[in-house]
ModelCIF file with pLDDT and N, C-alpha, C, O atoms, coordinates in Angstrom:
data_MODEL
#
_entry.id   MODEL 
#
_entity.id                         1 
_entity.type                       polymer 
_entity.pdbx_number_of_molecules   1 
#
_entity_poly.entity_id                      1 
_entity_poly.type                           'polypeptide(L)' 
_entity_poly.nstd_linkage                   no 
_entity_poly.nstd_monomer                   no 
_entity_poly.pdbx_seq_one_letter_code       
;(UNK)(UNK)(UNK)(UNK)(UNK)(UNK)(UNK)(UNK)(UNK)(UNK)(UNK)(UNK)(UNK)(UNK)(UNK)(UNK)
(UNK)(UNK)(UNK)(UNK)(UNK)(UNK)(UNK)(UNK)(UNK)(UNK)(UNK)(UNK)(UNK)(UNK)(UNK)(UNK)
(UNK)(UNK)(UNK)
;
_entity_poly.pdbx_seq_one_letter_code_can   XXXXXXXXXXXXXXXXXXXXXXXXXXXXXXXXXXX 
_entity_poly.pdbx_strand_id                 A 
#
loop_
_entity_poly_seq.entity_id 
_entity_poly_seq.num 
_entity_poly_seq.mon_id 
_entity_poly_seq.hetero 
1 1  UNK n 
1 2  UNK n 
1 3  UNK n 
1 4  UNK n 
1 5  UNK n 
1 6  UNK n 
1 7  UNK n 
1 8  UNK n 
1 9  UNK n 
1 10 UNK n 
1 11 UNK n 
1 12 UNK n 
1 13 UNK n 
1 14 UNK n 
1 15 UNK n 
1 16 UNK n 
1 17 UNK n 
1 18 UNK n 
1 19 UNK n 
1 20 UNK n 
1 21 UNK n 
1 22 UNK n 
1 23 UNK n 
1 24 UNK n 
1 25 UNK n 
1 26 UNK n 
1 27 UNK n 
1 28 UNK n 
1 29 UNK n 
1 30 UNK n 
1 31 UNK n 
1 32 UNK n 
1 33 UNK n 
1 34 UNK n 
1 35 UNK n 
#
_struct_asym.id          A 
_struct_asym.entity_id   1 
#
loop_
_ma_qa_metric.id 
_ma_qa_metric.mode 
_ma_qa_metric.name 
_ma_qa_metric.software_group_id 
_ma_qa_metric.type 
1 global pLDDT . pLDDT 
2 local  pLDDT . pLDDT 
#
_ma_qa_metric_global.metric_id      1 
_ma_qa_metric_global.metric_value   84.00 
_ma_qa_metric_global.model_id       1 
_ma_qa_metric_global.ordinal_id     1 
#
loop_
_ma_qa_metric_local.label_asym_id 
_ma_qa_metric_local.label_comp_id 
_ma_qa_metric_local.label_seq_id 
_ma_qa_metric_local.metric_id 
_ma_qa_metric_local.metric_value 
_ma_qa_metric_local.model_id 
_ma_qa_metric_local.ordinal_id 
A UNK 1  2 89.00 1 1  
A UNK 2  2 83.00 1 2  
A UNK 3  2 81.00 1 3  
A UNK 4  2 77.00 1 4  
A UNK 5  2 73.00 1 5  
A UNK 6  2 62.00 1 6  
A UNK 7  2 66.00 1 7  
A UNK 8  2 72.00 1 8  
A UNK 9  2 70.00 1 9  
A UNK 10 2 73.00 1 10 
A UNK 11 2 81.00 1 11 
A UNK 12 2 86.00 1 12 
A UNK 13 2 88.00 1 13 
A UNK 14 2 88.00 1 14 
A UNK 15 2 87.00 1 15 
A UNK 16 2 91.00 1 16 
A UNK 17 2 92.00 1 17 
A UNK 18 2 93.00 1 18 
A UNK 19 2 94.00 1 19 
A UNK 20 2 89.00 1 20 
A UNK 21 2 95.00 1 21 
A UNK 22 2 97.00 1 22 
A UNK 23 2 97.00 1 23 
A UNK 24 2 98.00 1 24 
A UNK 25 2 98.00 1 25 
A UNK 26 2 98.00 1 26 
A UNK 27 2 97.00 1 27 
A UNK 28 2 96.00 1 28 
A UNK 29 2 95.00 1 29 
A UNK 30 2 94.00 1 30 
A UNK 31 2 89.00 1 31 
A UNK 32 2 70.00 1 32 
A UNK 33 2 60.00 1 33 
A UNK 34 2 60.00 1 34 
A UNK 35 2 61.00 1 35 
#
loop_
_atom_site.group_PDB 
_atom_site.id 
_atom_site.type_symbol 
_atom_site.label_atom_id 
_atom_site.label_alt_id 
_atom_site.label_comp_id 
_atom_site.label_asym_id 
_atom_site.label_entity_id 
_atom_site.label_seq_id 
_atom_site.pdbx_PDB_ins_code 
_atom_site.Cartn_x 
_atom_site.Cartn_y 
_atom_site.Cartn_z 
_atom_site.occupancy 
_atom_site.B_iso_or_equiv 
_atom_site.pdbx_formal_charge 
_atom_site.auth_seq_id 
_atom_site.auth_comp_id 
_atom_site.auth_asym_id 
_atom_site.auth_atom_id 
_atom_site.pdbx_PDB_model_num 
ATOM 1   N N  . UNK A 1 1  ? -111.819 -68.920 140.812 1.00 89.00 ? 1  UNK A N  1 
ATOM 2   C CA . UNK A 1 1  ? -111.394 -69.904 139.817 1.00 89.00 ? 1  UNK A CA 1 
ATOM 3   C C  . UNK A 1 1  ? -110.754 -69.160 138.603 1.00 89.00 ? 1  UNK A C  1 
ATOM 4   O O  . UNK A 1 1  ? -111.265 -68.146 138.126 1.00 89.00 ? 1  UNK A O  1 
ATOM 5   N N  . UNK A 1 2  ? -109.578 -69.738 138.120 1.00 83.00 ? 2  UNK A N  1 
ATOM 6   C CA . UNK A 1 2  ? -108.813 -69.217 137.039 1.00 83.00 ? 2  UNK A CA 1 
ATOM 7   C C  . UNK A 1 2  ? -108.816 -70.337 135.887 1.00 83.00 ? 2  UNK A C  1 
ATOM 8   O O  . UNK A 1 2  ? -108.189 -71.384 136.044 1.00 83.00 ? 2  UNK A O  1 
ATOM 9   N N  . UNK A 1 3  ? -109.479 -70.094 134.840 1.00 81.00 ? 3  UNK A N  1 
ATOM 10  C CA . UNK A 1 3  ? -109.438 -71.221 133.876 1.00 81.00 ? 3  UNK A CA 1 
ATOM 11  C C  . UNK A 1 3  ? -108.200 -71.410 133.256 1.00 81.00 ? 3  UNK A C  1 
ATOM 12  O O  . UNK A 1 3  ? -107.979 -72.497 132.721 1.00 81.00 ? 3  UNK A O  1 
ATOM 13  N N  . UNK A 1 4  ? -107.270 -70.435 133.241 1.00 77.00 ? 4  UNK A N  1 
ATOM 14  C CA . UNK A 1 4  ? -105.870 -70.695 132.614 1.00 77.00 ? 4  UNK A CA 1 
ATOM 15  C C  . UNK A 1 4  ? -105.071 -71.636 133.470 1.00 77.00 ? 4  UNK A C  1 
ATOM 16  O O  . UNK A 1 4  ? -104.026 -72.100 133.014 1.00 77.00 ? 4  UNK A O  1 
ATOM 17  N N  . UNK A 1 5  ? -105.480 -71.954 134.671 1.00 73.00 ? 5  UNK A N  1 
ATOM 18  C CA . UNK A 1 5  ? -104.760 -73.019 135.450 1.00 73.00 ? 5  UNK A CA 1 
ATOM 19  C C  . UNK A 1 5  ? -105.371 -74.392 134.919 1.00 73.00 ? 5  UNK A C  1 
ATOM 20  O O  . UNK A 1 5  ? -106.548 -74.715 135.079 1.00 73.00 ? 5  UNK A O  1 
ATOM 21  N N  . UNK A 1 6  ? -104.474 -75.100 134.313 1.00 62.00 ? 6  UNK A N  1 
ATOM 22  C CA . UNK A 1 6  ? -104.947 -76.354 133.672 1.00 62.00 ? 6  UNK A CA 1 
ATOM 23  C C  . UNK A 1 6  ? -105.215 -77.439 134.693 1.00 62.00 ? 6  UNK A C  1 
ATOM 24  O O  . UNK A 1 6  ? -106.063 -78.290 134.424 1.00 62.00 ? 6  UNK A O  1 
ATOM 25  N N  . UNK A 1 7  ? -104.559 -77.478 135.844 1.00 66.00 ? 7  UNK A N  1 
ATOM 26  C CA . UNK A 1 7  ? -104.685 -78.513 136.886 1.00 66.00 ? 7  UNK A CA 1 
ATOM 27  C C  . UNK A 1 7  ? -105.593 -77.995 137.956 1.00 66.00 ? 7  UNK A C  1 
ATOM 28  O O  . UNK A 1 7  ? -105.290 -76.979 138.581 1.00 66.00 ? 7  UNK A O  1 
ATOM 29  N N  . UNK A 1 8  ? -106.702 -78.662 138.191 1.00 72.00 ? 8  UNK A N  1 
ATOM 30  C CA . UNK A 1 8  ? -107.679 -78.287 139.201 1.00 72.00 ? 8  UNK A CA 1 
ATOM 31  C C  . UNK A 1 8  ? -107.429 -79.131 140.496 1.00 72.00 ? 8  UNK A C  1 
ATOM 32  O O  . UNK A 1 8  ? -107.558 -80.355 140.511 1.00 72.00 ? 8  UNK A O  1 
ATOM 33  N N  . UNK A 1 9  ? -107.067 -78.395 141.564 1.00 70.00 ? 9  UNK A N  1 
ATOM 34  C CA . UNK A 1 9  ? -106.832 -79.204 142.826 1.00 70.00 ? 9  UNK A CA 1 
ATOM 35  C C  . UNK A 1 9  ? -108.180 -79.429 143.409 1.00 70.00 ? 9  UNK A C  1 
ATOM 36  O O  . UNK A 1 9  ? -108.904 -78.468 143.667 1.00 70.00 ? 9  UNK A O  1 
ATOM 37  N N  . UNK A 1 10 ? -108.566 -80.705 143.639 1.00 73.00 ? 10 UNK A N  1 
ATOM 38  C CA . UNK A 1 10 ? -109.714 -81.029 144.245 1.00 73.00 ? 10 UNK A CA 1 
ATOM 39  C C  . UNK A 1 10 ? -109.502 -81.151 145.705 1.00 73.00 ? 10 UNK A C  1 
ATOM 40  O O  . UNK A 1 10 ? -108.688 -81.925 146.208 1.00 73.00 ? 10 UNK A O  1 
ATOM 41  N N  . UNK A 1 11 ? -110.312 -80.312 146.387 1.00 81.00 ? 11 UNK A N  1 
ATOM 42  C CA . UNK A 1 11 ? -110.128 -80.216 147.921 1.00 81.00 ? 11 UNK A CA 1 
ATOM 43  C C  . UNK A 1 11 ? -110.819 -78.956 148.485 1.00 81.00 ? 11 UNK A C  1 
ATOM 44  O O  . UNK A 1 11 ? -110.548 -77.843 148.034 1.00 81.00 ? 11 UNK A O  1 
ATOM 45  N N  . UNK A 1 12 ? -111.651 -79.129 149.405 1.00 86.00 ? 12 UNK A N  1 
ATOM 46  C CA . UNK A 1 12 ? -112.338 -78.066 149.859 1.00 86.00 ? 12 UNK A CA 1 
ATOM 47  C C  . UNK A 1 12 ? -111.436 -77.215 150.931 1.00 86.00 ? 12 UNK A C  1 
ATOM 48  O O  . UNK A 1 12 ? -110.839 -77.746 151.867 1.00 86.00 ? 12 UNK A O  1 
ATOM 49  N N  . UNK A 1 13 ? -111.431 -75.848 150.656 1.00 88.00 ? 13 UNK A N  1 
ATOM 50  C CA . UNK A 1 13 ? -110.676 -74.929 151.592 1.00 88.00 ? 13 UNK A CA 1 
ATOM 51  C C  . UNK A 1 13 ? -111.517 -74.192 152.434 1.00 88.00 ? 13 UNK A C  1 
ATOM 52  O O  . UNK A 1 13 ? -112.119 -73.222 151.973 1.00 88.00 ? 13 UNK A O  1 
ATOM 53  N N  . UNK A 1 14 ? -111.648 -74.541 153.682 1.00 88.00 ? 14 UNK A N  1 
ATOM 54  C CA . UNK A 1 14 ? -112.502 -73.928 154.705 1.00 88.00 ? 14 UNK A CA 1 
ATOM 55  C C  . UNK A 1 14 ? -112.154 -72.403 154.858 1.00 88.00 ? 14 UNK A C  1 
ATOM 56  O O  . UNK A 1 14 ? -111.012 -71.989 155.059 1.00 88.00 ? 14 UNK A O  1 
ATOM 57  N N  . UNK A 1 15 ? -113.251 -71.634 154.741 1.00 87.00 ? 15 UNK A N  1 
ATOM 58  C CA . UNK A 1 15 ? -113.109 -70.210 154.941 1.00 87.00 ? 15 UNK A CA 1 
ATOM 59  C C  . UNK A 1 15 ? -112.878 -69.399 153.800 1.00 87.00 ? 15 UNK A C  1 
ATOM 60  O O  . UNK A 1 15 ? -112.887 -68.168 153.821 1.00 87.00 ? 15 UNK A O  1 
ATOM 61  N N  . UNK A 1 16 ? -112.630 -70.253 152.597 1.00 91.00 ? 16 UNK A N  1 
ATOM 62  C CA . UNK A 1 16 ? -112.428 -69.649 151.267 1.00 91.00 ? 16 UNK A CA 1 
ATOM 63  C C  . UNK A 1 16 ? -113.462 -70.032 150.192 1.00 91.00 ? 16 UNK A C  1 
ATOM 64  O O  . UNK A 1 16 ? -114.104 -69.225 149.521 1.00 91.00 ? 16 UNK A O  1 
ATOM 65  N N  . UNK A 1 17 ? -113.535 -71.339 150.123 1.00 92.00 ? 17 UNK A N  1 
ATOM 66  C CA . UNK A 1 17 ? -114.477 -71.906 149.136 1.00 92.00 ? 17 UNK A CA 1 
ATOM 67  C C  . UNK A 1 17 ? -115.851 -71.856 149.499 1.00 92.00 ? 17 UNK A C  1 
ATOM 68  O O  . UNK A 1 17 ? -116.095 -71.573 150.672 1.00 92.00 ? 17 UNK A O  1 
ATOM 69  N N  . UNK A 1 18 ? -116.783 -72.073 148.731 1.00 93.00 ? 18 UNK A N  1 
ATOM 70  C CA . UNK A 1 18 ? -118.315 -72.029 148.933 1.00 93.00 ? 18 UNK A CA 1 
ATOM 71  C C  . UNK A 1 18 ? -118.735 -73.413 149.146 1.00 93.00 ? 18 UNK A C  1 
ATOM 72  O O  . UNK A 1 18 ? -118.533 -74.253 148.268 1.00 93.00 ? 18 UNK A O  1 
ATOM 73  N N  . UNK A 1 19 ? -119.354 -73.735 150.344 1.00 94.00 ? 19 UNK A N  1 
ATOM 74  C CA . UNK A 1 19 ? -119.761 -75.014 150.746 1.00 94.00 ? 19 UNK A CA 1 
ATOM 75  C C  . UNK A 1 19 ? -121.221 -75.238 150.122 1.00 94.00 ? 19 UNK A C  1 
ATOM 76  O O  . UNK A 1 19 ? -122.077 -74.355 150.183 1.00 94.00 ? 19 UNK A O  1 
ATOM 77  N N  . UNK A 1 20 ? -121.434 -76.429 149.543 1.00 89.00 ? 20 UNK A N  1 
ATOM 78  C CA . UNK A 1 20 ? -122.657 -76.911 148.903 1.00 89.00 ? 20 UNK A CA 1 
ATOM 79  C C  . UNK A 1 20 ? -123.628 -77.289 150.033 1.00 89.00 ? 20 UNK A C  1 
ATOM 80  O O  . UNK A 1 20 ? -123.273 -77.317 151.211 1.00 89.00 ? 20 UNK A O  1 
ATOM 81  N N  . UNK A 1 21 ? -124.929 -77.592 149.598 1.00 95.00 ? 21 UNK A N  1 
ATOM 82  C CA . UNK A 1 21 ? -125.446 -77.450 148.227 1.00 95.00 ? 21 UNK A CA 1 
ATOM 83  C C  . UNK A 1 21 ? -125.424 -76.002 147.685 1.00 95.00 ? 21 UNK A C  1 
ATOM 84  O O  . UNK A 1 21 ? -125.598 -75.044 148.438 1.00 95.00 ? 21 UNK A O  1 
ATOM 85  N N  . UNK A 1 22 ? -125.207 -75.871 146.372 1.00 97.00 ? 22 UNK A N  1 
ATOM 86  C CA . UNK A 1 22 ? -125.158 -74.555 145.646 1.00 97.00 ? 22 UNK A CA 1 
ATOM 87  C C  . UNK A 1 22 ? -126.115 -74.506 144.465 1.00 97.00 ? 22 UNK A C  1 
ATOM 88  O O  . UNK A 1 22 ? -126.175 -75.435 143.660 1.00 97.00 ? 22 UNK A O  1 
ATOM 89  N N  . UNK A 1 23 ? -126.878 -73.386 144.368 1.00 97.00 ? 23 UNK A N  1 
ATOM 90  C CA . UNK A 1 23 ? -127.693 -73.192 143.128 1.00 97.00 ? 23 UNK A CA 1 
ATOM 91  C C  . UNK A 1 23 ? -126.806 -72.922 141.942 1.00 97.00 ? 23 UNK A C  1 
ATOM 92  O O  . UNK A 1 23 ? -125.849 -72.150 141.994 1.00 97.00 ? 23 UNK A O  1 
ATOM 93  N N  . UNK A 1 24 ? -127.170 -73.600 140.863 1.00 98.00 ? 24 UNK A N  1 
ATOM 94  C CA . UNK A 1 24 ? -126.445 -73.516 139.551 1.00 98.00 ? 24 UNK A CA 1 
ATOM 95  C C  . UNK A 1 24 ? -127.468 -73.021 138.504 1.00 98.00 ? 24 UNK A C  1 
ATOM 96  O O  . UNK A 1 24 ? -127.069 -72.720 137.378 1.00 98.00 ? 24 UNK A O  1 
ATOM 97  N N  . UNK A 1 25 ? -128.664 -72.933 138.808 1.00 98.00 ? 25 UNK A N  1 
ATOM 98  C CA . UNK A 1 25 ? -129.744 -72.252 137.878 1.00 98.00 ? 25 UNK A CA 1 
ATOM 99  C C  . UNK A 1 25 ? -130.768 -71.626 138.745 1.00 98.00 ? 25 UNK A C  1 
ATOM 100 O O  . UNK A 1 25 ? -131.195 -72.182 139.756 1.00 98.00 ? 25 UNK A O  1 
ATOM 101 N N  . UNK A 1 26 ? -131.159 -70.450 138.330 1.00 98.00 ? 26 UNK A N  1 
ATOM 102 C CA . UNK A 1 26 ? -132.217 -69.771 139.046 1.00 98.00 ? 26 UNK A CA 1 
ATOM 103 C C  . UNK A 1 26 ? -133.164 -69.109 138.141 1.00 98.00 ? 26 UNK A C  1 
ATOM 104 O O  . UNK A 1 26 ? -132.802 -68.853 136.992 1.00 98.00 ? 26 UNK A O  1 
ATOM 105 N N  . UNK A 1 27 ? -134.370 -68.801 138.559 1.00 97.00 ? 27 UNK A N  1 
ATOM 106 C CA . UNK A 1 27 ? -135.350 -68.054 137.652 1.00 97.00 ? 27 UNK A CA 1 
ATOM 107 C C  . UNK A 1 27 ? -135.896 -66.887 138.595 1.00 97.00 ? 27 UNK A C  1 
ATOM 108 O O  . UNK A 1 27 ? -135.817 -66.878 139.823 1.00 97.00 ? 27 UNK A O  1 
ATOM 109 N N  . UNK A 1 28 ? -136.425 -65.974 137.842 1.00 96.00 ? 28 UNK A N  1 
ATOM 110 C CA . UNK A 1 28 ? -136.901 -64.778 138.505 1.00 96.00 ? 28 UNK A CA 1 
ATOM 111 C C  . UNK A 1 28 ? -137.891 -64.079 137.687 1.00 96.00 ? 28 UNK A C  1 
ATOM 112 O O  . UNK A 1 28 ? -137.974 -64.276 136.475 1.00 96.00 ? 28 UNK A O  1 
ATOM 113 N N  . UNK A 1 29 ? -138.773 -63.126 138.433 1.00 95.00 ? 29 UNK A N  1 
ATOM 114 C CA . UNK A 1 29 ? -139.660 -62.240 137.687 1.00 95.00 ? 29 UNK A CA 1 
ATOM 115 C C  . UNK A 1 29 ? -139.369 -60.877 138.192 1.00 95.00 ? 29 UNK A C  1 
ATOM 116 O O  . UNK A 1 29 ? -138.936 -60.668 139.325 1.00 95.00 ? 29 UNK A O  1 
ATOM 117 N N  . UNK A 1 30 ? -139.617 -59.963 137.323 1.00 94.00 ? 30 UNK A N  1 
ATOM 118 C CA . UNK A 1 30 ? -139.341 -58.591 137.560 1.00 94.00 ? 30 UNK A CA 1 
ATOM 119 C C  . UNK A 1 30 ? -140.676 -57.667 137.216 1.00 94.00 ? 30 UNK A C  1 
ATOM 120 O O  . UNK A 1 30 ? -141.139 -57.625 136.076 1.00 94.00 ? 30 UNK A O  1 
ATOM 121 N N  . UNK A 1 31 ? -141.158 -57.039 138.167 1.00 89.00 ? 31 UNK A N  1 
ATOM 122 C CA . UNK A 1 31 ? -142.221 -56.067 137.835 1.00 89.00 ? 31 UNK A CA 1 
ATOM 123 C C  . UNK A 1 31 ? -141.766 -54.688 138.269 1.00 89.00 ? 31 UNK A C  1 
ATOM 124 O O  . UNK A 1 31 ? -141.401 -54.464 139.423 1.00 89.00 ? 31 UNK A O  1 
ATOM 125 N N  . UNK A 1 32 ? -141.797 -53.788 137.334 1.00 70.00 ? 32 UNK A N  1 
ATOM 126 C CA . UNK A 1 32 ? -141.289 -52.503 137.644 1.00 70.00 ? 32 UNK A CA 1 
ATOM 127 C C  . UNK A 1 32 ? -142.198 -51.483 137.176 1.00 70.00 ? 32 UNK A C  1 
ATOM 128 O O  . UNK A 1 32 ? -143.092 -51.797 136.391 1.00 70.00 ? 32 UNK A O  1 
ATOM 129 N N  . UNK A 1 33 ? -142.044 -50.129 137.632 1.00 60.00 ? 33 UNK A N  1 
ATOM 130 C CA . UNK A 1 33 ? -142.818 -49.055 137.314 1.00 60.00 ? 33 UNK A CA 1 
ATOM 131 C C  . UNK A 1 33 ? -144.208 -49.209 137.992 1.00 60.00 ? 33 UNK A C  1 
ATOM 132 O O  . UNK A 1 33 ? -144.494 -50.057 138.838 1.00 60.00 ? 33 UNK A O  1 
ATOM 133 N N  . UNK A 1 34 ? -145.070 -48.195 137.453 1.00 60.00 ? 34 UNK A N  1 
ATOM 134 C CA . UNK A 1 34 ? -146.380 -48.063 137.974 1.00 60.00 ? 34 UNK A CA 1 
ATOM 135 C C  . UNK A 1 34 ? -147.317 -49.395 137.735 1.00 60.00 ? 34 UNK A C  1 
ATOM 136 O O  . UNK A 1 34 ? -148.124 -49.844 138.549 1.00 60.00 ? 34 UNK A O  1 
ATOM 137 N N  . UNK A 1 35 ? -147.038 -49.892 136.497 1.00 61.00 ? 35 UNK A N  1 
ATOM 138 C CA . UNK A 1 35 ? -147.866 -50.989 136.160 1.00 61.00 ? 35 UNK A CA 1 
ATOM 139 C C  . UNK A 1 35 ? -147.442 -52.395 136.564 1.00 61.00 ? 35 UNK A C  1 
ATOM 140 O O  . UNK A 1 35 ? -148.151 -53.360 136.278 1.00 61.00 ? 35 UNK A O  1 
#
């Protein structure tokens, strides 16, 4: 996606675009080191 392109063409391009459903928010935990 290029935000400089003002016109957004709506249409799925097979083999190039990412098919939904898609995660738009994720959470995670990180435990590192010996403790």
